[in-house]
Amino acid sequence: MKIHPNGKSLYVLAGDVNYSRFTSQDTRKKMARLISIDLSSGRRNLDIDLSTLISGKHFPNDVVFDQAGNAYITDSYAHAIYKLAPDGTPSLFAKNKIFVTEGLGLMVSFTTLMDFC
């Protein structure tokens, strides 16, 4: 979870890596969602299914923001970074063999992201 730099929204990543009592065959290592919640009203602004961007296993693990308001989300199991534009449009930002690890792995900081760019 991270608060957007504008201070108005909380960004929450949701995935199922088999640690929850609610895990199921339908969601286990398949779910990758980003949910944005308005901090003043508690209402959901966004609910984005990132798992549609790449096939395979998923675990959304970290989110950072740039100065333009884009969000970058790491997916540890897909070995990828997604980009969410300020208008809510998701896209694949980067997928590279250097992201491949065993287990958890890919997380990102803004510094690391800018070094990659």
PDB file of N, CA and C in Angstrom:
ATOM      1  N   MET A   1       0.845  -1.176   0.000  1.00  0.00           N
ATOM      2  CA  MET A   1       0.000   0.000   0.000  1.00  0.00           C
ATOM      3  C   MET A   1       0.889   1.238   0.000  1.00  0.00           C
ATOM      4  N   LYS A   2       0.482   2.214  -0.776  1.00  0.00           N
ATOM      5  CA  LYS A   2       1.187   3.496  -0.787  1.00  0.00           C
ATOM      6  C   LYS A   2       0.170   4.603  -1.042  1.00  0.00           C
ATOM      7  N   ILE A   3       0.446   5.739  -0.446  1.00  0.00           N
ATOM      8  CA  ILE A   3      -0.378   6.919  -0.715  1.00  0.00           C
ATOM      9  C   ILE A   3       0.202   7.622  -1.941  1.00  0.00           C
ATOM     10  N   HIS A   4      -0.677   7.952  -2.874  1.00  0.00           N
ATOM     11  CA  HIS A   4      -0.280   8.677  -4.081  1.00  0.00           C
ATOM     12  C   HIS A   4       0.359  10.000  -3.657  1.00  0.00           C
ATOM     13  N   PRO A   5       1.352  10.483  -4.414  1.00  0.00           N
ATOM     14  CA  PRO A   5       2.005  11.746  -4.059  1.00  0.00           C
ATOM     15  C   PRO A   5       1.060  12.939  -3.925  1.00  0.00           C
ATOM     16  N   ASN A   6      -0.113  12.888  -4.561  1.00  0.00           N
ATOM     17  CA  ASN A   6      -1.060  13.997  -4.410  1.00  0.00           C
ATOM     18  C   ASN A   6      -1.749  13.986  -3.045  1.00  0.00           C
ATOM     19  N   GLY A   7      -1.544  12.901  -2.272  1.00  0.00           N
ATOM     20  CA  GLY A   7      -2.121  12.796  -0.938  1.00  0.00           C
ATOM     21  C   GLY A   7      -3.606  12.505  -0.899  1.00  0.00           C
ATOM     22  N   LYS A   8      -4.203  12.232  -2.052  1.00  0.00           N
ATOM     23  CA  LYS A   8      -5.646  12.041  -2.110  1.00  0.00           C
ATOM     24  C   LYS A   8      -6.094  10.591  -2.228  1.00  0.00           C
ATOM     25  N   SER A   9      -5.191   9.687  -2.614  1.00  0.00           N
ATOM     26  CA  SER A   9      -5.574   8.303  -2.870  1.00  0.00           C
ATOM     27  C   SER A   9      -4.597   7.324  -2.235  1.00  0.00           C
ATOM     28  N   LEU A  10      -5.143   6.217  -1.771  1.00  0.00           N
ATOM     29  CA  LEU A  10      -4.347   5.095  -1.292  1.00  0.00           C
ATOM     30  C   LEU A  10      -4.350   4.041  -2.385  1.00  0.00           C
ATOM     31  N   TYR A  11      -3.173   3.576  -2.785  1.00  0.00           N
ATOM     32  CA  TYR A  11      -3.036   2.530  -3.796  1.00  0.00           C
ATOM     33  C   TYR A  11      -2.731   1.216  -3.082  1.00  0.00           C
ATOM     34  N   VAL A  12      -3.517   0.206  -3.386  1.00  0.00           N
ATOM     35  CA  VAL A  12      -3.386  -1.103  -2.757  1.00  0.00           C
ATOM     36  C   VAL A  12      -3.208  -2.147  -3.847  1.00  0.00           C
ATOM     37  N   LEU A  13      -2.224  -3.026  -3.669  1.00  0.00           N
ATOM     38  CA  LEU A  13      -2.019  -4.135  -4.597  1.00  0.00           C
ATOM     39  C   LEU A  13      -2.638  -5.376  -4.000  1.00  0.00           C
ATOM     40  N   ALA A  14      -3.315  -6.164  -4.833  1.00  0.00           N
ATOM     41  CA  ALA A  14      -3.960  -7.389  -4.366  1.00  0.00           C
ATOM     42  C   ALA A  14      -3.536  -8.557  -5.241  1.00  0.00           C
ATOM     43  N   GLY A  15      -3.064  -9.599  -4.591  1.00  0.00           N
ATOM     44  CA  GLY A  15      -2.675 -10.827  -5.275  1.00  0.00           C
ATOM     45  C   GLY A  15      -2.920 -12.006  -4.360  1.00  0.00           C
ATOM     46  N   ASP A  16      -2.802 -13.192  -4.869  1.00  0.00           N
ATOM     47  CA  ASP A  16      -3.008 -14.413  -4.078  1.00  0.00           C
ATOM     48  C   ASP A  16      -1.805 -15.322  -4.282  1.00  0.00           C
ATOM     49  N   VAL A  17      -0.930 -15.355  -3.274  1.00  0.00           N
ATOM     50  CA  VAL A  17       0.252 -16.217  -3.348  1.00  0.00           C
ATOM     51  C   VAL A  17       0.095 -17.443  -2.456  1.00  0.00           C
ATOM     52  N   ASN A  18      -1.148 -17.760  -2.079  1.00  0.00           N
ATOM     53  CA  ASN A  18      -1.470 -18.980  -1.343  1.00  0.00           C
ATOM     54  C   ASN A  18      -1.266 -18.841   0.161  1.00  0.00           C
ATOM     55  N   TYR A  19      -1.241 -17.626   0.708  1.00  0.00           N
ATOM     56  CA  TYR A  19      -1.075 -17.441   2.148  1.00  0.00           C
ATOM     57  C   TYR A  19      -2.396 -17.155   2.856  1.00  0.00           C
ATOM     58  N   SER A  20      -3.443 -16.924   2.142  1.00  0.00           N
ATOM     59  CA  SER A  20      -4.714 -16.522   2.722  1.00  0.00           C
ATOM     60  C   SER A  20      -5.665 -17.708   2.874  1.00  0.00           C
ATOM     61  N   ARG A  21      -6.530 -17.617   3.847  1.00  0.00           N
ATOM     62  CA  ARG A  21      -7.564 -18.656   3.982  1.00  0.00           C
ATOM     63  C   ARG A  21      -8.597 -18.529   2.853  1.00  0.00           C
ATOM     64  N   PHE A  22      -8.566 -17.434   2.115  1.00  0.00           N
ATOM     65  CA  PHE A  22      -9.497 -17.222   1.008  1.00  0.00           C
ATOM     66  C   PHE A  22      -8.922 -17.660  -0.338  1.00  0.00           C
ATOM     67  N   THR A  23      -7.718 -18.208  -0.346  1.00  0.00           N
ATOM     68  CA  THR A  23      -7.094 -18.636  -1.595  1.00  0.00           C
ATOM     69  C   THR A  23      -7.941 -19.714  -2.273  1.00  0.00           C
ATOM     70  N   SER A  24      -7.881 -19.718  -3.593  1.00  0.00           N
ATOM     71  CA  SER A  24      -8.618 -20.725  -4.357  1.00  0.00           C
ATOM     72  C   SER A  24      -7.869 -21.012  -5.653  1.00  0.00           C
ATOM     73  N   GLN A  25      -8.249 -22.073  -6.317  1.00  0.00           N
ATOM     74  CA  GLN A  25      -7.639 -22.406  -7.610  1.00  0.00           C
ATOM     75  C   GLN A  25      -7.881 -21.316  -8.645  1.00  0.00           C
ATOM     76  N   ASP A  26      -8.980 -20.564  -8.489  1.00  0.00           N
ATOM     77  CA  ASP A  26      -9.302 -19.496  -9.442  1.00  0.00           C
ATOM     78  C   ASP A  26      -8.395 -18.279  -9.299  1.00  0.00           C
ATOM     79  N   THR A  27      -7.838 -18.072  -8.098  1.00  0.00           N
ATOM     80  CA  THR A  27      -7.048 -16.861  -7.856  1.00  0.00           C
ATOM     81  C   THR A  27      -5.574 -17.123  -7.550  1.00  0.00           C
ATOM     82  N   ARG A  28      -5.228 -18.306  -7.089  1.00  0.00           N
ATOM     83  CA  ARG A  28      -3.858 -18.609  -6.647  1.00  0.00           C
ATOM     84  C   ARG A  28      -2.841 -18.341  -7.748  1.00  0.00           C
ATOM     85  N   LYS A  29      -1.954 -17.392  -7.496  1.00  0.00           N
ATOM     86  CA  LYS A  29      -0.888 -16.970  -8.402  1.00  0.00           C
ATOM     87  C   LYS A  29      -1.416 -16.478  -9.756  1.00  0.00           C
ATOM     88  N   LYS A  30      -2.695 -16.112  -9.789  1.00  0.00           N
ATOM     89  CA  LYS A  30      -3.311 -15.624 -11.027  1.00  0.00           C
ATOM     90  C   LYS A  30      -3.802 -14.187 -10.905  1.00  0.00           C
ATOM     91  N   MET A  31      -3.982 -13.703  -9.683  1.00  0.00           N
ATOM     92  CA  MET A  31      -4.596 -12.400  -9.464  1.00  0.00           C
ATOM     93  C   MET A  31      -3.534 -11.315  -9.338  1.00  0.00           C
ATOM     94  N   ALA A  32      -3.750 -10.215 -10.024  1.00  0.00           N
ATOM     95  CA  ALA A  32      -2.902  -9.023  -9.905  1.00  0.00           C
ATOM     96  C   ALA A  32      -3.797  -7.809 -10.105  1.00  0.00           C
ATOM     97  N   ARG A  33      -4.169  -7.185  -8.988  1.00  0.00           N
ATOM     98  CA  ARG A  33      -5.067  -6.033  -9.060  1.00  0.00           C
ATOM     99  C   ARG A  33      -4.454  -4.833  -8.364  1.00  0.00           C
ATOM    100  N   LEU A  34      -4.754  -3.679  -8.889  1.00  0.00           N
ATOM    101  CA  LEU A  34      -4.432  -2.426  -8.236  1.00  0.00           C
ATOM    102  C   LEU A  34      -5.744  -1.729  -7.928  1.00  0.00           C
ATOM    103  N   ILE A  35      -5.926  -1.396  -6.668  1.00  0.00           N
ATOM    104  CA  ILE A  35      -7.142  -0.711  -6.222  1.00  0.00           C
ATOM    105  C   ILE A  35      -6.735   0.639  -5.656  1.00  0.00           C
ATOM    106  N   SER A  36      -7.411   1.680  -6.072  1.00  0.00           N
ATOM    107  CA  SER A  36      -7.166   3.024  -5.564  1.00  0.00           C
ATOM    108  C   SER A  36      -8.393   3.458  -4.771  1.00  0.00           C
ATOM    109  N   ILE A  37      -8.143   3.965  -3.558  1.00  0.00           N
ATOM    110  CA  ILE A  37      -9.223   4.380  -2.669  1.00  0.00           C
ATOM    111  C   ILE A  37      -9.059   5.859  -2.350  1.00  0.00           C
ATOM    112  N   ASP A  38     -10.141   6.625  -2.510  1.00  0.00           N
ATOM    113  CA  ASP A  38     -10.138   8.046  -2.170  1.00  0.00           C
ATOM    114  C   ASP A  38     -10.042   8.180  -0.653  1.00  0.00           C
ATOM    115  N   LEU A  39      -9.033   8.877  -0.168  1.00  0.00           N
ATOM    116  CA  LEU A  39      -8.808   8.971   1.270  1.00  0.00           C
ATOM    117  C   LEU A  39      -9.843   9.818   2.000  1.00  0.00           C
ATOM    118  N   SER A  40     -10.465  10.756   1.330  1.00  0.00           N
ATOM    119  CA  SER A  40     -11.455  11.594   2.016  1.00  0.00           C
ATOM    120  C   SER A  40     -12.824  10.931   2.110  1.00  0.00           C
ATOM    121  N   SER A  41     -13.194  10.167   1.092  1.00  0.00           N
ATOM    122  CA  SER A  41     -14.538   9.562   1.090  1.00  0.00           C
ATOM    123  C   SER A  41     -14.521   8.060   1.390  1.00  0.00           C
ATOM    124  N   GLY A  42     -13.363   7.404   1.201  1.00  0.00           N
ATOM    125  CA  GLY A  42     -13.289   5.951   1.372  1.00  0.00           C
ATOM    126  C   GLY A  42     -13.811   5.187   0.168  1.00  0.00           C
ATOM    127  N   ARG A  43     -14.183   5.894  -0.876  1.00  0.00           N
ATOM    128  CA  ARG A  43     -14.716   5.244  -2.084  1.00  0.00           C
ATOM    129  C   ARG A  43     -13.589   4.751  -2.984  1.00  0.00           C
ATOM    130  N   ARG A  44     -13.889   3.677  -3.693  1.00  0.00           N
ATOM    131  CA  ARG A  44     -12.916   3.114  -4.637  1.00  0.00           C
ATOM    132  C   ARG A  44     -12.894   3.966  -5.899  1.00  0.00           C
ATOM    133  N   ASN A  45     -11.701   4.429  -6.259  1.00  0.00           N
ATOM    134  CA  ASN A  45     -11.508   5.188  -7.503  1.00  0.00           C
ATOM    135  C   ASN A  45     -11.251   4.260  -8.679  1.00  0.00           C
ATOM    136  N   LEU A  46     -10.375   3.277  -8.458  1.00  0.00           N
ATOM    137  CA  LEU A  46      -9.941   2.373  -9.518  1.00  0.00           C
ATOM    138  C   LEU A  46      -9.915   0.945  -8.994  1.00  0.00           C
ATOM    139  N   ASP A  47     -10.141   0.019  -9.882  1.00  0.00           N
ATOM    140  CA  ASP A  47      -9.929  -1.409  -9.615  1.00  0.00           C
ATOM    141  C   ASP A  47      -9.454  -1.995 -10.939  1.00  0.00           C
ATOM    142  N   ILE A  48      -8.133  -2.084 -11.093  1.00  0.00           N
ATOM    143  CA  ILE A  48      -7.524  -2.463 -12.358  1.00  0.00           C
ATOM    144  C   ILE A  48      -7.006  -3.892 -12.276  1.00  0.00           C
ATOM    145  N   ASP A  49      -7.411  -4.730 -13.228  1.00  0.00           N
ATOM    146  CA  ASP A  49      -6.911  -6.104 -13.325  1.00  0.00           C
ATOM    147  C   ASP A  49      -5.657  -6.090 -14.195  1.00  0.00           C
ATOM    148  N   LEU A  50      -4.497  -6.193 -13.552  1.00  0.00           N
ATOM    149  CA  LEU A  50      -3.230  -6.164 -14.272  1.00  0.00           C
ATOM    150  C   LEU A  50      -2.866  -7.517 -14.876  1.00  0.00           C
ATOM    151  N   SER A  51      -3.517  -8.589 -14.419  1.00  0.00           N
ATOM    152  CA  SER A  51      -3.174  -9.932 -14.897  1.00  0.00           C
ATOM    153  C   SER A  51      -3.502 -10.130 -16.375  1.00  0.00           C
ATOM    154  N   THR A  52      -4.302  -9.253 -16.943  1.00  0.00           N
ATOM    155  CA  THR A  52      -4.646  -9.367 -18.363  1.00  0.00           C
ATOM    156  C   THR A  52      -3.513  -8.868 -19.271  1.00  0.00           C
ATOM    157  N   LEU A  53      -2.524  -8.184 -18.700  1.00  0.00           N
ATOM    158  CA  LEU A  53      -1.436  -7.629 -19.507  1.00  0.00           C
ATOM    159  C   LEU A  53      -0.402  -8.670 -19.920  1.00  0.00           C
ATOM    160  N   ILE A  54      -0.227  -9.713 -19.087  1.00  0.00           N
ATOM    161  CA  ILE A  54       0.730 -10.792 -19.361  1.00  0.00           C
ATOM    162  C   ILE A  54       0.118 -12.092 -18.870  1.00  0.00           C
ATOM    163  N   SER A  55       0.253 -13.144 -19.654  1.00  0.00           N
ATOM    164  CA  SER A  55      -0.251 -14.441 -19.199  1.00  0.00           C
ATOM    165  C   SER A  55       0.743 -15.069 -18.226  1.00  0.00           C
ATOM    166  N   GLY A  56       0.272 -16.013 -17.438  1.00  0.00           N
ATOM    167  CA  GLY A  56       1.142 -16.732 -16.512  1.00  0.00           C
ATOM    168  C   GLY A  56       0.850 -16.400 -15.067  1.00  0.00           C
ATOM    169  N   LYS A  57       1.834 -16.691 -14.208  1.00  0.00           N
ATOM    170  CA  LYS A  57       1.696 -16.461 -12.773  1.00  0.00           C
ATOM    171  C   LYS A  57       1.869 -14.971 -12.455  1.00  0.00           C
ATOM    172  N   HIS A  58       1.201 -14.556 -11.347  1.00  0.00           N
ATOM    173  CA  HIS A  58       1.252 -13.146 -10.954  1.00  0.00           C
ATOM    174  C   HIS A  58       1.372 -12.981  -9.453  1.00  0.00           C
ATOM    175  N   PHE A  59       2.102 -11.957  -9.060  1.00  0.00           N
ATOM    176  CA  PHE A  59       2.106 -11.464  -7.685  1.00  0.00           C
ATOM    177  C   PHE A  59       2.523  -9.993  -7.699  1.00  0.00           C
ATOM    178  N   PRO A  60       1.540  -9.076  -7.629  1.00  0.00           N
ATOM    179  CA  PRO A  60       1.880  -7.655  -7.589  1.00  0.00           C
ATOM    180  C   PRO A  60       2.546  -7.349  -6.252  1.00  0.00           C
ATOM    181  N   ASN A  61       3.717  -6.711  -6.301  1.00  0.00           N
ATOM    182  CA  ASN A  61       4.537  -6.648  -5.109  1.00  0.00           C
ATOM    183  C   ASN A  61       4.864  -5.245  -4.621  1.00  0.00           C
ATOM    184  N   ASP A  62       4.960  -4.268  -5.498  1.00  0.00           N
ATOM    185  CA  ASP A  62       5.361  -2.934  -5.064  1.00  0.00           C
ATOM    186  C   ASP A  62       4.840  -1.903  -6.056  1.00  0.00           C
ATOM    187  N   VAL A  63       4.695  -0.674  -5.599  1.00  0.00           N
ATOM    188  CA  VAL A  63       4.246   0.416  -6.456  1.00  0.00           C
ATOM    189  C   VAL A  63       5.032   1.673  -6.106  1.00  0.00           C
ATOM    190  N   VAL A  64       5.443   2.411  -7.129  1.00  0.00           N
ATOM    191  CA  VAL A  64       6.091   3.714  -6.973  1.00  0.00           C
ATOM    192  C   VAL A  64       5.460   4.667  -7.984  1.00  0.00           C
ATOM    193  N   PHE A  65       5.694   5.951  -7.778  1.00  0.00           N
ATOM    194  CA  PHE A  65       5.102   6.982  -8.626  1.00  0.00           C
ATOM    195  C   PHE A  65       6.195   7.889  -9.177  1.00  0.00           C
ATOM    196  N   ASP A  66       5.970   8.400 -10.377  1.00  0.00           N
ATOM    197  CA  ASP A  66       6.886   9.406 -10.916  1.00  0.00           C
ATOM    198  C   ASP A  66       6.254  10.790 -10.775  1.00  0.00           C
ATOM    199  N   GLN A  67       6.987  11.819 -11.177  1.00  0.00           N
ATOM    200  CA  GLN A  67       6.512  13.190 -11.011  1.00  0.00           C
ATOM    201  C   GLN A  67       5.330  13.524 -11.906  1.00  0.00           C
ATOM    202  N   ALA A  68       5.114  12.732 -12.950  1.00  0.00           N
ATOM    203  CA  ALA A  68       3.987  12.969 -13.851  1.00  0.00           C
ATOM    204  C   ALA A  68       2.702  12.292 -13.362  1.00  0.00           C
ATOM    205  N   GLY A  69       2.782  11.559 -12.240  1.00  0.00           N
ATOM    206  CA  GLY A  69       1.594  10.896 -11.696  1.00  0.00           C
ATOM    207  C   GLY A  69       1.381   9.482 -12.184  1.00  0.00           C
ATOM    208  N   ASN A  70       2.337   8.947 -12.947  1.00  0.00           N
ATOM    209  CA  ASN A  70       2.253   7.548 -13.366  1.00  0.00           C
ATOM    210  C   ASN A  70       2.606   6.654 -12.180  1.00  0.00           C
ATOM    211  N   ALA A  71       1.957   5.507 -12.112  1.00  0.00           N
ATOM    212  CA  ALA A  71       2.293   4.497 -11.109  1.00  0.00           C
ATOM    213  C   ALA A  71       2.996   3.350 -11.823  1.00  0.00           C
ATOM    214  N   TYR A  72       4.013   2.785 -11.182  1.00  0.00           N
ATOM    215  CA  TYR A  72       4.745   1.636 -11.716  1.00  0.00           C
ATOM    216  C   TYR A  72       4.610   0.505 -10.710  1.00  0.00           C
ATOM    217  N   ILE A  73       4.141  -0.638 -11.179  1.00  0.00           N
ATOM    218  CA  ILE A  73       3.824  -1.765 -10.323  1.00  0.00           C
ATOM    219  C   ILE A  73       4.685  -2.955 -10.711  1.00  0.00           C
ATOM    220  N   THR A  74       5.381  -3.538  -9.744  1.00  0.00           N
ATOM    221  CA  THR A  74       6.163  -4.734 -10.037  1.00  0.00           C
ATOM    222  C   THR A  74       5.282  -5.963  -9.885  1.00  0.00           C
ATOM    223  N   ASP A  75       5.540  -6.944 -10.721  1.00  0.00           N
ATOM    224  CA  ASP A  75       4.882  -8.251 -10.637  1.00  0.00           C
ATOM    225  C   ASP A  75       6.000  -9.279 -10.501  1.00  0.00           C
ATOM    226  N   SER A  76       6.190  -9.760  -9.276  1.00  0.00           N
ATOM    227  CA  SER A  76       7.326 -10.639  -8.979  1.00  0.00           C
ATOM    228  C   SER A  76       7.278 -11.958  -9.731  1.00  0.00           C
ATOM    229  N   TYR A  77       6.094 -12.517  -9.932  1.00  0.00           N
ATOM    230  CA  TYR A  77       6.006 -13.814 -10.607  1.00  0.00           C
ATOM    231  C   TYR A  77       6.015 -13.688 -12.126  1.00  0.00           C
ATOM    232  N   ALA A  78       5.518 -12.579 -12.660  1.00  0.00           N
ATOM    233  CA  ALA A  78       5.531 -12.365 -14.112  1.00  0.00           C
ATOM    234  C   ALA A  78       6.849 -11.734 -14.562  1.00  0.00           C
ATOM    235  N   HIS A  79       7.680 -11.320 -13.594  1.00  0.00           N
ATOM    236  CA  HIS A  79       8.980 -10.704 -13.895  1.00  0.00           C
ATOM    237  C   HIS A  79       8.795  -9.480 -14.791  1.00  0.00           C
ATOM    238  N   ALA A  80       7.871  -8.616 -14.356  1.00  0.00           N
ATOM    239  CA  ALA A  80       7.506  -7.473 -15.195  1.00  0.00           C
ATOM    240  C   ALA A  80       7.207  -6.255 -14.335  1.00  0.00           C
ATOM    241  N   ILE A  81       7.209  -5.103 -14.995  1.00  0.00           N
ATOM    242  CA  ILE A  81       6.779  -3.848 -14.382  1.00  0.00           C
ATOM    243  C   ILE A  81       5.660  -3.291 -15.260  1.00  0.00           C
ATOM    244  N   TYR A  82       4.547  -2.956 -14.628  1.00  0.00           N
ATOM    245  CA  TYR A  82       3.419  -2.356 -15.325  1.00  0.00           C
ATOM    246  C   TYR A  82       3.431  -0.854 -15.069  1.00  0.00           C
ATOM    247  N   LYS A  83       2.811  -0.126 -15.974  1.00  0.00           N
ATOM    248  CA  LYS A  83       2.667   1.317 -15.814  1.00  0.00           C
ATOM    249  C   LYS A  83       1.179   1.635 -15.816  1.00  0.00           C
ATOM    250  N   LEU A  84       0.770   2.445 -14.858  1.00  0.00           N
ATOM    251  CA  LEU A  84      -0.605   2.915 -14.811  1.00  0.00           C
ATOM    252  C   LEU A  84      -0.578   4.419 -15.010  1.00  0.00           C
ATOM    253  N   ALA A  85      -1.129   4.876 -16.139  1.00  0.00           N
ATOM    254  CA  ALA A  85      -1.160   6.305 -16.459  1.00  0.00           C
ATOM    255  C   ALA A  85      -2.118   7.029 -15.515  1.00  0.00           C
ATOM    256  N   PRO A  86      -1.966   8.323 -15.356  1.00  0.00           N
ATOM    257  CA  PRO A  86      -2.859   9.083 -14.478  1.00  0.00           C
ATOM    258  C   PRO A  86      -4.342   8.935 -14.817  1.00  0.00           C
ATOM    259  N   ASP A  87      -4.661   8.628 -16.068  1.00  0.00           N
ATOM    260  CA  ASP A  87      -6.068   8.441 -16.451  1.00  0.00           C
ATOM    261  C   ASP A  87      -6.578   7.029 -16.149  1.00  0.00           C
ATOM    262  N   GLY A  88      -5.706   6.164 -15.568  1.00  0.00           N
ATOM    263  CA  GLY A  88      -6.107   4.802 -15.198  1.00  0.00           C
ATOM    264  C   GLY A  88      -5.824   3.750 -16.247  1.00  0.00           C
ATOM    265  N   THR A  89      -5.153   4.110 -17.323  1.00  0.00           N
ATOM    266  CA  THR A  89      -4.840   3.160 -18.382  1.00  0.00           C
ATOM    267  C   THR A  89      -3.593   2.348 -18.013  1.00  0.00           C
ATOM    268  N   PRO A  90      -3.740   1.003 -17.922  1.00  0.00           N
ATOM    269  CA  PRO A  90      -2.580   0.171 -17.604  1.00  0.00           C
ATOM    270  C   PRO A  90      -1.855  -0.279 -18.866  1.00  0.00           C
ATOM    271  N   SER A  91      -0.541  -0.499 -18.736  1.00  0.00           N
ATOM    272  CA  SER A  91       0.238  -1.032 -19.845  1.00  0.00           C
ATOM    273  C   SER A  91       1.453  -1.769 -19.283  1.00  0.00           C
ATOM    274  N   LEU A  92       2.077  -2.568 -20.133  1.00  0.00           N
ATOM    275  CA  LEU A  92       3.319  -3.224 -19.767  1.00  0.00           C
ATOM    276  C   LEU A  92       4.443  -2.213 -19.940  1.00  0.00           C
ATOM    277  N   PHE A  93       5.174  -1.927 -18.881  1.00  0.00           N
ATOM    278  CA  PHE A  93       6.280  -0.976 -18.942  1.00  0.00           C
ATOM    279  C   PHE A  93       7.583  -1.686 -19.288  1.00  0.00           C
ATOM    280  N   ALA A  94       7.850  -2.828 -18.634  1.00  0.00           N
ATOM    281  CA  ALA A  94       9.093  -3.546 -18.884  1.00  0.00           C
ATOM    282  C   ALA A  94       8.952  -5.007 -18.489  1.00  0.00           C
ATOM    283  N   LYS A  95       9.519  -5.865 -19.314  1.00  0.00           N
ATOM    284  CA  LYS A  95       9.650  -7.282 -19.010  1.00  0.00           C
ATOM    285  C   LYS A  95      11.016  -7.670 -19.545  1.00  0.00           C
ATOM    286  N   ASN A  96      11.844  -8.224 -18.649  1.00  0.00           N
ATOM    287  CA  ASN A  96      13.216  -8.460 -19.041  1.00  0.00           C
ATOM    288  C   ASN A  96      13.744  -9.683 -18.311  1.00  0.00           C
ATOM    289  N   LYS A  97      14.624 -10.427 -18.938  1.00  0.00           N
ATOM    290  CA  LYS A  97      15.169 -11.632 -18.309  1.00  0.00           C
ATOM    291  C   LYS A  97      15.975 -11.298 -17.056  1.00  0.00           C
ATOM    292  N   ILE A  98      16.454 -10.067 -16.915  1.00  0.00           N
ATOM    293  CA  ILE A  98      17.186  -9.715 -15.693  1.00  0.00           C
ATOM    294  C   ILE A  98      16.266  -9.654 -14.470  1.00  0.00           C
ATOM    295  N   PHE A  99      14.955  -9.612 -14.671  1.00  0.00           N
ATOM    296  CA  PHE A  99      13.998  -9.599 -13.572  1.00  0.00           C
ATOM    297  C   PHE A  99      13.702 -10.997 -13.037  1.00  0.00           C
ATOM    298  N   VAL A 100      14.111 -12.041 -13.766  1.00  0.00           N
ATOM    299  CA  VAL A 100      13.767 -13.412 -13.398  1.00  0.00           C
ATOM    300  C   VAL A 100      14.535 -13.834 -12.151  1.00  0.00           C
ATOM    301  N   THR A 101      13.779 -14.356 -11.164  1.00  0.00           N
ATOM    302  CA  THR A 101      14.340 -14.875  -9.920  1.00  0.00           C
ATOM    303  C   THR A 101      13.542 -16.102  -9.510  1.00  0.00           C
ATOM    304  N   GLU A 102      14.041 -16.797  -8.541  1.00  0.00           N
ATOM    305  CA  GLU A 102      13.271 -17.867  -7.915  1.00  0.00           C
ATOM    306  C   GLU A 102      12.472 -17.239  -6.787  1.00  0.00           C
ATOM    307  N   GLY A 103      11.195 -17.563  -6.687  1.00  0.00           N
ATOM    308  CA  GLY A 103      10.389 -17.028  -5.591  1.00  0.00           C
ATOM    309  C   GLY A 103       9.993 -15.591  -5.797  1.00  0.00           C
ATOM    310  N   LEU A 104      10.045 -14.814  -4.709  1.00  0.00           N
ATOM    311  CA  LEU A 104       9.523 -13.459  -4.717  1.00  0.00           C
ATOM    312  C   LEU A 104      10.294 -12.523  -5.628  1.00  0.00           C
ATOM    313  N   GLY A 105      11.346 -11.981  -5.314  1.00  0.00           N
ATOM    314  CA  GLY A 105      12.135 -11.234  -6.269  1.00  0.00           C
ATOM    315  C   GLY A 105      11.775  -9.797  -6.526  1.00  0.00           C
ATOM    316  N   LEU A 106      11.271  -9.497  -7.700  1.00  0.00           N
ATOM    317  CA  LEU A 106      11.181  -8.139  -8.236  1.00  0.00           C
ATOM    318  C   LEU A 106      10.373  -7.192  -7.352  1.00  0.00           C
ATOM    319  N   MET A 107      11.069  -6.202  -6.865  1.00  0.00           N
ATOM    320  CA  MET A 107      10.472  -5.048  -6.188  1.00  0.00           C
ATOM    321  C   MET A 107      11.158  -3.844  -6.818  1.00  0.00           C
ATOM    322  N   VAL A 108      10.620  -2.680  -6.616  1.00  0.00           N
ATOM    323  CA  VAL A 108      11.202  -1.523  -7.278  1.00  0.00           C
ATOM    324  C   VAL A 108      11.155  -0.306  -6.372  1.00  0.00           C
ATOM    325  N   SER A 109      12.182   0.499  -6.467  1.00  0.00           N
ATOM    326  CA  SER A 109      12.164   1.817  -5.840  1.00  0.00           C
ATOM    327  C   SER A 109      12.223   2.826  -6.975  1.00  0.00           C
ATOM    328  N   PHE A 110      11.891   4.040  -6.703  1.00  0.00           N
ATOM    329  CA  PHE A 110      11.914   5.043  -7.762  1.00  0.00           C
ATOM    330  C   PHE A 110      13.312   5.183  -8.327  1.00  0.00           C
ATOM    331  N   THR A 111      14.331   5.122  -7.476  1.00  0.00           N
ATOM    332  CA  THR A 111      15.714   5.222  -7.936  1.00  0.00           C
ATOM    333  C   THR A 111      16.052   4.082  -8.876  1.00  0.00           C
ATOM    334  N   THR A 112      15.672   2.872  -8.494  1.00  0.00           N
ATOM    335  CA  THR A 112      15.932   1.714  -9.348  1.00  0.00           C
ATOM    336  C   THR A 112      15.204   1.854 -10.680  1.00  0.00           C
ATOM    337  N   LEU A 113      13.971   2.293 -10.633  1.00  0.00           N
ATOM    338  CA  LEU A 113      13.181   2.465 -11.845  1.00  0.00           C
ATOM    339  C   LEU A 113      13.843   3.460 -12.783  1.00  0.00           C
ATOM    340  N   MET A 114      14.285   4.582 -12.262  1.00  0.00           N
ATOM    341  CA  MET A 114      14.907   5.593 -13.103  1.00  0.00           C
ATOM    342  C   MET A 114      16.247   5.115 -13.639  1.00  0.00           C
ATOM    343  N   ASP A 115      16.976   4.287 -12.883  1.00  0.00           N
ATOM    344  CA  ASP A 115      18.221   3.712 -13.384  1.00  0.00           C
ATOM    345  C   ASP A 115      17.927   2.781 -14.564  1.00  0.00           C
ATOM    346  N   PHE A 116      16.809   2.053 -14.498  1.00  0.00           N
ATOM    347  CA  PHE A 116      16.444   1.124 -15.558  1.00  0.00           C
ATOM    348  C   PHE A 116      16.069   1.869 -16.822  1.00  0.00           C
ATOM    349  N   CYS A 117      15.397   3.000 -16.652  1.00  0.00           N
ATOM    350  CA  CYS A 117      14.963   3.791 -17.812  1.00  0.00           C
ATOM    351  C   CYS A 117      16.172   4.373 -18.478  1.00  0.00           C
TER     352      CYS A 117
END
